[in-house]
């Protein structure tokens, strides 16, 4: 059995917990929280909840640690810290800062002789892999990625970190005109702003400066500053009633040409439609935790991304089963 630990117990961590229960080669050993452990109730019977200060004492009891924190402030600090102690997996999704994050985590993981896989979810993660494969198949062409319509966990978390914000949901919405042009094989040149809009529903603390909060959201680097963003201030009751779910989805397309005269046009399209963004992302983290465990067993170490994982390492099936049933 692959022994799994989870740091944090928000939506993503609960999604990973549910996924572990669907994988017979894994067991959840412990959940760690910054909150009082007595206030955290996990769904898996017999699993203990501990304070994050207790994490070092589990060094020989956990094979892979799944990090459920947010990309804005948690993971840049936590992933390098714990990669020195454990094999770890995170879902760091601030695309512009991935090279910096990789370098920091790689140094720590190599120091601890561990495997750390970063930025695995559906994007970055699954969609990253699909972009790579499509580009290899159609080297002359363009990649397009559309997210939504759906709730972005990372962007919602970034809004909640703003002073005066009690809760928030952020929807990423593809621009239909742009998506249609790509599907039609027009190979358009699109700016970030032309591909998506962002819509935010924010519950503010009583007495908070709404104008300042809206300004901070719209000007937030790497999150909102390159998009047309709409901010709505609503009550906590309305947020729970109308925006309580966490759906998401998206599309990865590659439009390219083949032939000696480049006369034939092709469009590759992959799509996701998700009822629960955190449960789906948690399921990816769990599969990647299996791959991290296998890589460590072979003596590998350092930071990895989805590009470095052999597809078979993600699966609980044997090579013989894979060839017989999925090839």
Protein backbone atom coordinates (compact mmCIF):
# COMPACT_ATOMS: atom_id res chain seq x y z
CA UNK A 1 0.00 0.00 0.00
CA UNK A 2 1.17 3.51 -0.83
CA UNK A 3 0.87 5.58 2.34
CA UNK A 4 -0.51 9.07 1.66
CA UNK A 5 -0.57 12.18 3.81
CA UNK A 6 -2.52 15.35 3.05
CA UNK A 7 -1.57 18.86 4.16
CA UNK A 8 -4.57 21.14 4.48
CA UNK A 9 -8.23 20.17 4.46
CA UNK A 10 -10.00 22.48 2.06
CA UNK A 11 -11.96 21.57 -1.06
CA UNK A 12 -8.95 20.19 -2.94
CA UNK A 13 -7.77 18.04 -0.05
CA UNK A 14 -11.26 16.64 0.46
CA UNK A 15 -11.31 15.77 -3.23
CA UNK A 16 -8.00 13.93 -2.85
CA UNK A 17 -9.32 12.10 0.21
CA UNK A 18 -12.32 10.86 -1.79
CA UNK A 19 -10.04 9.75 -4.64
CA UNK A 20 -7.76 7.75 -2.34
CA UNK A 21 -10.78 5.69 -1.30
CA UNK A 22 -11.26 4.67 -4.96
CA UNK A 23 -7.67 3.42 -5.33
CA UNK A 24 -7.09 0.03 -3.69
CA UNK A 25 -3.29 0.37 -3.70
CA UNK A 26 -3.38 3.48 -1.48
CA UNK A 27 -4.25 4.39 2.09
CA UNK A 28 -4.66 7.75 3.77
CA UNK A 29 -2.43 7.84 6.84
CA UNK A 30 -2.93 11.36 8.20
CA UNK A 31 -4.29 14.83 7.50
CA UNK A 32 -2.39 17.91 8.71
CA UNK A 33 -3.90 21.31 9.34
CA UNK A 34 -2.91 24.75 10.64
CA UNK A 35 -6.22 24.75 12.51
CA UNK A 36 -6.89 23.04 15.82
CA UNK A 37 -6.95 19.32 14.84
CA UNK A 38 -10.00 18.81 17.05
CA UNK A 39 -11.97 21.18 14.80
CA UNK A 40 -11.23 19.19 11.60
CA UNK A 41 -13.44 16.18 10.86
CA UNK A 42 -12.24 13.95 8.02
CA UNK A 43 -14.47 11.50 6.13
CA UNK A 44 -12.16 8.48 6.31
CA UNK A 45 -12.68 6.36 9.40
CA UNK A 46 -9.60 5.79 11.53
CA UNK A 47 -7.51 8.57 9.99
CA UNK A 48 -6.00 11.01 12.44
CA UNK A 49 -5.82 14.78 12.09
CA UNK A 50 -2.65 16.48 13.31
CA UNK A 51 -1.26 20.00 13.48
CA UNK A 52 1.25 20.95 10.79
CA UNK A 53 3.89 21.24 13.53
CA UNK A 54 3.68 17.43 13.86
CA UNK A 55 4.58 16.78 10.20
CA UNK A 56 8.32 16.04 10.73
CA UNK A 57 7.48 13.15 13.09
CA UNK A 58 5.75 11.33 10.19
CA UNK A 59 8.84 11.25 7.97
CA UNK A 60 9.05 7.42 7.95
CA UNK A 61 5.29 6.82 8.04
CA UNK A 62 4.21 8.50 4.78
CA UNK A 63 5.34 7.63 1.25
CA UNK A 64 3.89 10.66 -0.55
CA UNK A 65 2.52 13.93 0.83
CA UNK A 66 -0.22 15.70 -1.14
CA UNK A 67 -0.22 19.48 -0.65
CA UNK A 68 -3.69 20.99 -0.75
CA UNK A 69 -2.75 24.65 -0.28
CA UNK A 70 -3.26 27.56 -2.64
CA UNK A 71 -0.77 28.82 -5.20
CA UNK A 72 -0.89 32.47 -4.14
CA UNK A 73 0.87 32.13 -0.79
CA UNK A 74 0.85 28.52 0.51
CA UNK A 75 2.65 26.39 -2.06
CA UNK A 76 5.64 28.66 -2.78
CA UNK A 77 6.59 28.19 0.87
CA UNK A 78 5.21 24.74 1.65
CA UNK A 79 6.34 22.68 -1.32
CA UNK A 80 10.09 23.37 -0.94
CA UNK A 81 9.81 22.98 2.83
CA UNK A 82 8.17 19.57 2.74
CA UNK A 83 9.99 18.30 -0.37
CA UNK A 84 13.07 18.12 1.80
CA UNK A 85 11.25 15.69 4.13
CA UNK A 86 8.89 13.74 1.85
CA UNK A 87 8.00 12.85 -1.70
CA UNK A 88 5.40 15.52 -2.49
CA UNK A 89 2.82 16.47 -5.11
CA UNK A 90 1.29 19.92 -5.56
CA UNK A 91 -1.09 21.73 -7.93
CA UNK A 92 0.79 25.05 -8.20
CA UNK A 93 -1.03 26.86 -11.02
CA UNK A 94 0.48 30.32 -11.37
CA UNK A 95 1.82 29.66 -14.88
CA UNK A 96 4.18 32.64 -14.98
CA UNK A 97 5.96 31.54 -11.79
CA UNK A 98 6.34 27.82 -12.54
CA UNK A 99 10.05 28.07 -13.56
CA UNK A 100 10.86 29.87 -10.29
CA UNK A 101 8.80 27.39 -8.25
CA UNK A 102 10.45 24.44 -10.03
CA UNK A 103 13.94 25.70 -9.21
CA UNK A 104 13.13 26.19 -5.52
CA UNK A 105 11.48 22.79 -5.17
CA UNK A 106 14.16 20.97 -7.16
CA UNK A 107 16.89 22.18 -4.82
CA UNK A 108 14.95 21.09 -1.74
CA UNK A 109 13.88 17.70 -3.14
CA UNK A 110 17.42 16.81 -4.21
CA UNK A 111 18.72 17.82 -0.79
CA UNK A 112 16.24 15.42 0.81
CA UNK A 113 16.72 12.71 -1.85
CA UNK A 114 13.01 12.91 -2.65
CA UNK A 115 10.68 13.23 -5.64
CA UNK A 116 8.53 16.36 -5.91
CA UNK A 117 5.98 16.69 -8.71
CA UNK A 118 4.63 20.20 -9.14
CA UNK A 119 1.83 21.86 -11.09
CA UNK A 120 -0.34 18.80 -11.61
CA UNK A 121 -4.04 19.32 -12.00
CA UNK A 122 -5.95 19.63 -15.22
CA UNK A 123 -4.26 22.90 -16.17
CA UNK A 124 -1.40 22.99 -15.59
CA UNK A 125 -1.18 19.22 -15.71
CA UNK A 126 -3.39 17.22 -18.07
CA UNK A 127 -3.86 20.08 -20.51
CA UNK A 128 -0.11 20.73 -20.47
CA UNK A 129 0.51 17.15 -21.58
CA UNK A 130 -2.12 17.38 -24.30
CA UNK A 131 -0.59 20.59 -25.62
CA UNK A 132 2.81 18.93 -25.78
CA UNK A 133 1.55 15.82 -27.59
CA UNK A 134 -0.51 17.83 -30.07
CA UNK A 135 2.44 20.11 -30.81
CA UNK A 136 4.68 17.11 -31.44
CA UNK A 137 2.13 15.65 -33.88
CA UNK A 138 1.39 18.93 -35.69
CA UNK A 139 4.61 20.94 -35.43
CA UNK A 140 3.29 23.63 -37.77
CA UNK A 141 0.29 25.19 -36.10
CA UNK A 142 -1.01 26.99 -33.04
CA UNK A 143 -2.15 25.97 -29.58
CA UNK A 144 -5.26 27.44 -27.96
CA UNK A 145 -6.50 26.82 -24.43
CA UNK A 146 -9.91 27.95 -23.19
CA UNK A 147 -10.99 27.54 -19.56
CA UNK A 148 -14.56 27.48 -18.34
CA UNK A 149 -17.17 28.44 -17.87
CA UNK A 150 -16.37 27.48 -14.35
CA UNK A 151 -15.06 28.33 -10.90
CA UNK A 152 -11.30 28.74 -10.70
CA UNK A 153 -10.08 27.55 -7.30
CA UNK A 154 -6.78 29.39 -7.58
CA UNK A 155 -8.31 32.71 -8.60
CA UNK A 156 -11.06 32.42 -5.97
CA UNK A 157 -8.42 31.71 -3.33
CA UNK A 158 -6.37 34.72 -4.49
CA UNK A 159 -9.40 36.99 -4.02
CA UNK A 160 -10.06 35.58 -0.55
CA UNK A 161 -6.52 36.58 0.47
CA UNK A 162 -7.37 40.26 -0.07
CA UNK A 163 -7.91 42.20 3.14
CA UNK A 164 -11.62 42.75 3.73
CA UNK A 165 -12.81 39.74 1.70
CA UNK A 166 -14.81 37.12 3.59
CA UNK A 167 -15.49 34.73 0.69
CA UNK A 168 -15.42 34.75 -3.10
CA UNK A 169 -16.02 32.78 -6.29
CA UNK A 170 -14.36 33.59 -9.59
CA UNK A 171 -15.73 32.34 -12.90
CA UNK A 172 -13.51 32.05 -15.96
CA UNK A 173 -15.57 32.45 -19.15
CA UNK A 174 -14.38 31.72 -22.71
CA UNK A 175 -15.18 34.31 -25.37
CA UNK A 176 -17.44 32.42 -27.81
CA UNK A 177 -16.28 34.38 -30.86
CA UNK A 178 -12.67 33.39 -30.24
CA UNK A 179 -13.49 29.72 -29.57
CA UNK A 180 -15.58 29.48 -32.76
CA UNK A 181 -12.76 30.99 -34.85
CA UNK A 182 -10.31 28.35 -33.60
CA UNK A 183 -12.73 25.48 -34.19
CA UNK A 184 -13.26 26.74 -37.73
CA UNK A 185 -9.55 26.40 -38.42
CA UNK A 186 -9.01 30.15 -38.86
CA UNK A 187 -5.80 30.11 -36.76
CA UNK A 188 -6.53 33.53 -35.24
CA UNK A 189 -3.95 35.50 -33.28
CA UNK A 190 -5.63 36.15 -29.94
CA UNK A 191 -4.58 38.20 -26.96
CA UNK A 192 -5.22 37.00 -23.42
CA UNK A 193 -8.02 39.55 -23.12
CA UNK A 194 -9.68 38.36 -26.34
CA UNK A 195 -9.92 34.73 -25.17
CA UNK A 196 -11.50 34.98 -21.71
CA UNK A 197 -13.37 37.21 -19.36
CA UNK A 198 -13.44 36.89 -15.57
CA UNK A 199 -16.45 37.38 -13.31
CA UNK A 200 -16.06 37.66 -9.55
CA UNK A 201 -18.69 37.31 -6.84
CA UNK A 202 -17.34 38.68 -3.57
CA UNK A 203 -18.62 38.69 0.01
CA UNK A 204 -16.93 41.58 1.79
CA UNK A 205 -16.37 41.98 5.52
CA UNK A 206 -18.66 44.51 7.16
CA UNK A 207 -17.29 48.01 6.68
CA UNK A 208 -14.68 46.98 4.12
CA UNK A 209 -13.61 49.42 1.40
CA UNK A 210 -15.35 47.94 -1.67
CA UNK A 211 -13.65 50.27 -4.13
CA UNK A 212 -10.23 49.23 -2.85
CA UNK A 213 -11.10 45.53 -3.01
CA UNK A 214 -12.36 45.85 -6.59
CA UNK A 215 -9.23 47.76 -7.59
CA UNK A 216 -6.94 45.14 -5.99
CA UNK A 217 -8.75 42.35 -7.82
CA UNK A 218 -8.64 43.96 -11.24
CA UNK A 219 -4.97 44.93 -10.91
CA UNK A 220 -3.72 41.64 -9.42
CA UNK A 221 -0.66 40.49 -11.44
CA UNK A 222 -0.81 37.03 -13.08
CA UNK A 223 -4.48 36.68 -12.11
CA UNK A 224 -6.69 39.52 -13.35
CA UNK A 225 -4.62 42.37 -14.76
CA UNK A 226 -4.71 41.03 -18.34
CA UNK A 227 -8.45 40.32 -18.46
CA UNK A 228 -11.74 42.17 -18.65
CA UNK A 229 -12.94 41.54 -15.11
CA UNK A 230 -16.34 42.21 -13.55
CA UNK A 231 -16.70 42.30 -9.76
CA UNK A 232 -20.06 41.81 -8.00
CA UNK A 233 -20.44 42.32 -4.24
CA UNK A 234 -23.13 40.02 -2.87
CA UNK A 235 -24.30 38.63 0.47
CA UNK A 236 -22.98 35.43 2.00
CA UNK A 237 -26.43 33.89 1.62
CA UNK A 238 -26.55 34.63 -2.11
CA UNK A 239 -23.05 33.22 -2.59
CA UNK A 240 -24.01 29.93 -0.94
CA UNK A 241 -27.35 29.73 -2.75
CA UNK A 242 -26.24 30.61 -6.27
CA UNK A 243 -22.53 29.86 -6.28
CA UNK A 244 -22.14 26.97 -3.85
CA UNK A 245 -20.93 24.45 -6.44
CA UNK A 246 -17.48 24.21 -7.98
CA UNK A 247 -18.00 23.24 -11.64
CA UNK A 248 -15.37 23.87 -14.29
CA UNK A 249 -14.06 22.62 -17.61
CA UNK A 250 -12.23 23.72 -20.67
CA UNK A 251 -10.83 23.02 -24.10
CA UNK A 252 -7.36 22.47 -25.55
CA UNK A 253 -7.10 22.86 -29.29
CA UNK A 254 -4.26 22.63 -31.79
CA UNK A 255 -4.83 23.86 -35.30
CA UNK A 256 -2.17 22.78 -37.78
CA UNK A 257 -1.29 21.74 -41.32
CA UNK A 258 0.30 18.74 -43.04
CA UNK A 259 1.33 17.84 -46.57
CA UNK A 260 4.16 18.87 -48.89
CA UNK A 261 2.24 21.99 -49.82
CA UNK A 262 0.66 22.35 -46.37
CA UNK A 263 -2.63 21.79 -48.10
CA UNK A 264 -4.42 19.81 -45.39
CA UNK A 265 -5.71 21.43 -42.22
CA UNK A 266 -6.37 19.65 -38.93
CA UNK A 267 -7.89 20.61 -35.61
CA UNK A 268 -7.27 18.54 -32.47
CA UNK A 269 -9.65 19.25 -29.61
CA UNK A 270 -9.78 17.91 -26.07
CA UNK A 271 -12.56 18.89 -23.70
CA UNK A 272 -13.37 18.55 -20.01
CA UNK A 273 -16.73 19.10 -18.34
CA UNK A 274 -16.47 18.85 -14.56
CA UNK A 275 -19.17 18.82 -11.91
CA UNK A 276 -16.53 19.28 -9.22
CA UNK A 277 -13.26 21.01 -10.01
CA UNK A 278 -11.61 20.10 -6.66
CA UNK A 279 -12.66 16.45 -6.78
CA UNK A 280 -11.34 16.04 -10.31
CA UNK A 281 -8.11 17.87 -9.49
CA UNK A 282 -7.75 15.81 -6.32
CA UNK A 283 -8.08 12.65 -8.41
CA UNK A 284 -5.20 13.81 -10.61
CA UNK A 285 -3.04 14.54 -7.57
CA UNK A 286 -3.66 11.02 -6.28
CA UNK A 287 -2.70 9.38 -9.60
CA UNK A 288 0.45 11.50 -9.72
CA UNK A 289 1.26 10.53 -6.12
CA UNK A 290 1.39 6.93 -7.35
CA UNK A 291 3.80 7.96 -10.09
CA UNK A 292 5.99 9.84 -7.58
CA UNK A 293 6.13 6.72 -5.41
CA UNK A 294 7.19 4.54 -8.36
CA UNK A 295 9.83 7.04 -9.45
CA UNK A 296 11.28 7.16 -5.93
CA UNK A 297 11.35 3.35 -5.82
CA UNK A 298 13.55 3.43 -8.94
CA UNK A 299 15.98 5.78 -7.21
CA UNK A 300 15.02 9.02 -8.96
CA UNK A 301 15.02 12.36 -7.14
CA UNK A 302 14.41 16.07 -7.68
CA UNK A 303 11.52 18.13 -9.01
CA UNK A 304 9.39 16.80 -11.86
CA UNK A 305 6.41 17.92 -13.91
CA UNK A 306 3.78 16.01 -15.86
CA UNK A 307 6.19 15.95 -18.81
CA UNK A 308 8.62 13.75 -16.85
CA UNK A 309 6.11 11.05 -15.87
CA UNK A 310 5.80 7.85 -17.86
CA UNK A 311 2.06 7.31 -18.51
CA UNK A 312 2.18 3.79 -17.04
CA UNK A 313 3.43 5.19 -13.73
CA UNK A 314 0.08 6.92 -13.22
CA UNK A 315 -1.85 3.67 -13.36
CA UNK A 316 -2.47 1.00 -10.73
CA UNK A 317 -2.68 -1.55 -13.57
CA UNK A 318 0.29 -3.76 -14.44
CA UNK A 319 2.04 -3.40 -17.82
CA UNK A 320 0.33 -6.63 -18.91
CA UNK A 321 -3.10 -5.29 -17.93
CA UNK A 322 -2.47 -2.02 -19.69
CA UNK A 323 -1.51 -3.77 -22.94
CA UNK A 324 -4.46 -6.12 -22.75
CA UNK A 325 -7.19 -3.63 -21.88
CA UNK A 326 -6.16 -0.07 -22.79
CA UNK A 327 -3.73 -0.29 -25.70
